[in-house]
Amino acid sequence: MKFTHTLTTALAATLLLTNPSIAEEPALTSIFNGKDFTGWKVPDNNIWYSVSDGELRLQSGPDKKGSAVWTEQAYEDFVFECEFKFGEGTIDSGVYLKESKDQIQIGISGSLKVDMTALAYIPGKGYPFRNDLAVQLLKEDGWNHLKIRVVGNVYETWLNGVYVMKYTSDSAKDKGPLGLQLHGNRDMSIAYRHLKAASL
């Protein structure tokens, strides 16, 4: 998807000015070594996840059920960053927040059939905060950068450097691990790299 550099720069500058929480954050630490699953919990009889060339790769299919891979470390208030790249099929993934079912969507919403990347999915509420920034900002054939900031029950996200949303969830948990979701009943693949996090 194409958009002008000038428009994106102007939009980013405007949103950064109205969002001071991006400043004064701690240095992030890598939580994925790019070689194996050290620091992560994968499902028993894992057929979904692999590590290759510095990437954590998720592969689903019609006969593969949905699942998630979780960090061993639990988080309360935190910042998380990663890069992701769409593979084959209709992508439906996301980042689970503190072991709750609240997540930040990556890819196509199964219910809405539109891309809701960087927006919060809340069970029972769907996508209570919506905009179309993902359509403007996503690189369908390249690496994308996602940043998530969670303080208490307040979720904020950035996609490719642009502030996307702020949402307050009444179903947030106090503490828990982070998860990468692979939706069931999808024939798709997605890769993650440069996964980093820091507690606030």
Protein backbone atom coordinates (compact mmCIF):
# COMPACT_ATOMS: atom_id res chain seq x y z
CA MET A 1 0.00 0.00 0.00
CA LYS A 2 1.37 3.39 -0.95
CA PHE A 3 1.29 6.71 0.83
CA THR A 4 3.37 9.83 0.49
CA HIS A 5 6.38 10.38 2.70
CA THR A 6 5.33 13.99 3.28
CA LEU A 7 1.87 13.01 4.52
CA THR A 8 3.26 10.35 6.82
CA THR A 9 5.92 12.67 8.25
CA ALA A 10 3.37 15.38 8.92
CA LEU A 11 0.95 12.94 10.51
CA ALA A 12 3.65 11.47 12.72
CA ALA A 13 4.83 14.89 13.84
CA THR A 14 1.30 15.94 14.77
CA LEU A 15 0.61 12.77 16.72
CA LEU A 16 3.92 12.89 18.57
CA LEU A 17 3.19 16.42 19.73
CA THR A 18 -0.14 15.29 21.18
CA ASN A 19 1.31 12.18 22.79
CA PRO A 20 4.02 12.99 25.35
CA SER A 21 4.05 9.44 26.79
CA ILE A 22 6.47 8.36 24.06
CA ALA A 23 9.28 10.26 25.80
CA GLU A 24 11.56 9.15 28.64
CA GLU A 25 11.13 5.40 28.34
CA PRO A 26 13.70 2.87 29.52
CA ALA A 27 16.04 1.09 27.14
CA LEU A 28 14.45 -2.04 25.75
CA THR A 29 16.03 -5.47 26.11
CA SER A 30 15.89 -8.23 23.53
CA ILE A 31 13.50 -11.03 24.51
CA PHE A 32 14.20 -13.24 21.47
CA ASN A 33 17.73 -14.36 20.64
CA GLY A 34 16.97 -15.26 17.02
CA LYS A 35 18.43 -18.76 17.46
CA ASP A 36 15.96 -20.77 19.54
CA PHE A 37 13.01 -20.50 21.92
CA THR A 38 15.02 -19.53 24.99
CA GLY A 39 12.77 -17.34 27.15
CA TRP A 40 9.60 -18.55 25.45
CA LYS A 41 7.03 -21.29 26.07
CA VAL A 42 5.82 -23.12 22.99
CA PRO A 43 2.85 -25.52 22.84
CA ASP A 44 3.36 -29.22 23.40
CA ASN A 45 3.87 -31.12 20.13
CA ASN A 46 4.70 -27.81 18.47
CA ILE A 47 3.85 -27.74 14.77
CA TRP A 48 3.28 -23.99 14.48
CA TYR A 49 6.48 -22.20 15.42
CA SER A 50 10.07 -22.29 14.21
CA VAL A 51 13.20 -20.16 14.43
CA SER A 52 15.34 -19.46 11.39
CA ASP A 53 17.61 -16.64 10.17
CA GLY A 54 16.88 -14.55 13.26
CA GLU A 55 13.14 -14.82 12.79
CA LEU A 56 10.37 -16.39 14.86
CA ARG A 57 8.08 -17.87 12.22
CA LEU A 58 4.43 -18.80 12.64
CA GLN A 59 2.81 -21.16 10.17
CA SER A 60 -0.83 -22.21 10.27
CA GLY A 61 -3.02 -24.26 8.00
CA PRO A 62 -6.53 -25.66 7.59
CA ASP A 63 -5.74 -28.64 9.84
CA LYS A 64 -3.82 -26.72 12.50
CA LYS A 65 -5.60 -25.34 15.53
CA GLY A 66 -4.96 -21.86 16.86
CA SER A 67 -2.38 -21.39 19.59
CA ALA A 68 0.07 -18.93 21.06
CA VAL A 69 3.72 -18.79 22.10
CA TRP A 70 4.31 -17.02 25.43
CA THR A 71 7.18 -15.24 27.14
CA GLU A 72 8.45 -16.91 30.29
CA GLN A 73 8.68 -13.51 31.94
CA ALA A 74 5.56 -11.80 33.26
CA TYR A 75 4.97 -8.06 32.87
CA GLU A 76 2.89 -5.39 34.59
CA ASP A 77 3.51 -1.98 33.02
CA PHE A 78 5.74 -2.31 29.98
CA VAL A 79 6.81 -1.31 26.49
CA PHE A 80 7.05 -3.97 23.79
CA GLU A 81 8.43 -3.59 20.29
CA CYS A 82 8.82 -5.97 17.38
CA GLU A 83 9.03 -6.15 13.63
CA PHE A 84 6.69 -8.38 11.65
CA LYS A 85 6.38 -9.41 8.04
CA PHE A 86 3.34 -10.92 6.36
CA GLY A 87 3.79 -14.23 4.62
CA GLU A 88 1.30 -16.26 2.64
CA GLY A 89 -2.46 -16.34 3.08
CA THR A 90 -4.86 -14.14 5.01
CA ILE A 91 -2.88 -12.99 8.03
CA ASP A 92 -4.57 -13.13 11.43
CA SER A 93 -2.16 -12.77 14.34
CA GLY A 94 -1.64 -10.48 17.29
CA VAL A 95 0.06 -9.78 20.61
CA TYR A 96 -1.68 -11.02 23.75
CA LEU A 97 -1.32 -8.64 26.69
CA LYS A 98 -0.48 -10.10 30.11
CA GLU A 99 -2.04 -13.51 29.40
CA SER A 100 -5.48 -11.99 29.05
CA LYS A 101 -7.50 -12.41 25.89
CA ASP A 102 -7.03 -8.70 25.22
CA GLN A 103 -4.72 -8.37 22.26
CA ILE A 104 -3.28 -5.97 19.74
CA GLN A 105 -4.32 -7.23 16.34
CA ILE A 106 -1.91 -7.87 13.49
CA GLY A 107 -3.59 -8.55 10.17
CA ILE A 108 -7.13 -9.15 9.02
CA SER A 109 -10.00 -9.31 11.49
CA GLY A 110 -11.88 -12.55 10.95
CA SER A 111 -15.19 -10.90 11.80
CA LEU A 112 -14.75 -7.57 10.02
CA LYS A 113 -12.72 -8.85 7.04
CA VAL A 114 -10.54 -5.73 7.10
CA ASP A 115 -7.02 -5.08 8.38
CA MET A 116 -7.08 -3.92 12.01
CA THR A 117 -3.35 -3.98 12.68
CA ALA A 118 -2.23 -2.07 15.81
CA LEU A 119 -5.80 -1.83 17.16
CA ALA A 120 -7.02 -3.49 20.34
CA TYR A 121 -9.22 -6.56 20.16
CA ILE A 122 -11.25 -7.02 23.35
CA PRO A 123 -13.29 -10.23 23.77
CA GLY A 124 -16.98 -9.42 23.94
CA LYS A 125 -16.42 -5.95 22.51
CA GLY A 126 -14.58 -6.62 19.29
CA TYR A 127 -12.61 -3.57 18.21
CA PRO A 128 -13.96 -0.73 20.38
CA PHE A 129 -11.46 1.78 18.97
CA ARG A 130 -11.16 1.99 15.20
CA ASN A 131 -9.34 3.99 12.58
CA ASP A 132 -7.90 3.26 9.14
CA LEU A 133 -4.24 4.03 9.84
CA ALA A 134 -3.17 0.43 9.23
CA VAL A 135 -4.38 0.66 5.66
CA GLN A 136 -2.21 3.74 5.14
CA LEU A 137 0.88 2.63 7.02
CA LEU A 138 1.34 -1.11 6.44
CA LYS A 139 4.06 -2.44 4.18
CA GLU A 140 2.47 -5.58 2.81
CA ASP A 141 5.69 -6.91 1.32
CA GLY A 142 8.21 -5.66 3.89
CA TRP A 143 8.98 -5.46 7.58
CA ASN A 144 6.71 -3.39 9.78
CA HIS A 145 7.49 -2.01 13.23
CA LEU A 146 4.96 -2.29 16.06
CA LYS A 147 5.25 -0.64 19.45
CA ILE A 148 2.89 -1.31 22.36
CA ARG A 149 2.85 0.59 25.64
CA VAL A 150 0.77 -0.70 28.54
CA VAL A 151 0.32 1.16 31.81
CA GLY A 152 -2.28 -0.44 34.05
CA ASN A 153 -5.29 -0.95 31.80
CA VAL A 154 -4.32 1.71 29.25
CA TYR A 155 -3.06 0.43 25.90
CA GLU A 156 -1.22 2.59 23.35
CA THR A 157 0.21 1.56 20.00
CA TRP A 158 2.45 2.86 17.23
CA LEU A 159 2.76 1.38 13.74
CA ASN A 160 5.86 2.22 11.71
CA GLY A 161 6.54 5.16 13.98
CA VAL A 162 3.06 6.67 13.86
CA TYR A 163 0.82 6.86 16.93
CA VAL A 164 -2.29 4.77 16.26
CA MET A 165 -4.47 4.49 19.36
CA LYS A 166 -5.03 4.81 23.08
CA TYR A 167 -7.62 2.56 24.72
CA THR A 168 -8.62 1.85 28.32
CA SER A 169 -9.67 -1.77 28.89
CA ASP A 170 -11.89 -2.97 31.73
CA SER A 171 -10.71 -6.56 31.17
CA ALA A 172 -6.96 -5.97 31.55
CA LYS A 173 -5.01 -8.20 33.92
CA ASP A 174 -2.57 -6.84 36.48
CA LYS A 175 0.34 -9.03 35.43
CA GLY A 176 1.18 -11.80 33.01
CA PRO A 177 3.33 -12.94 30.06
CA LEU A 178 3.10 -11.66 26.51
CA GLY A 179 1.97 -13.93 23.70
CA LEU A 180 2.11 -14.08 19.93
CA GLN A 181 -1.16 -15.43 18.57
CA LEU A 182 -1.64 -17.72 15.62
CA HIS A 183 -5.31 -17.89 14.70
CA GLY A 184 -6.82 -21.27 13.99
CA ASN A 185 -8.49 -22.28 10.74
CA ARG A 186 -6.26 -20.02 8.67
CA ASP A 187 -3.79 -21.06 5.99
CA MET A 188 -1.20 -18.37 6.62
CA SER A 189 2.29 -17.47 7.77
CA ILE A 190 3.91 -14.51 9.51
CA ALA A 191 7.42 -13.81 10.77
CA TYR A 192 8.59 -11.77 13.78
CA ARG A 193 12.03 -10.43 14.62
CA HIS A 194 13.76 -7.91 16.91
CA LEU A 195 11.35 -8.56 19.77
CA LYS A 196 12.18 -6.29 22.70
CA ALA A 197 10.54 -5.26 25.96
CA ALA A 198 11.12 -3.23 29.12
CA SER A 199 9.17 -2.87 32.33
CA LEU A 200 8.10 0.65 33.27
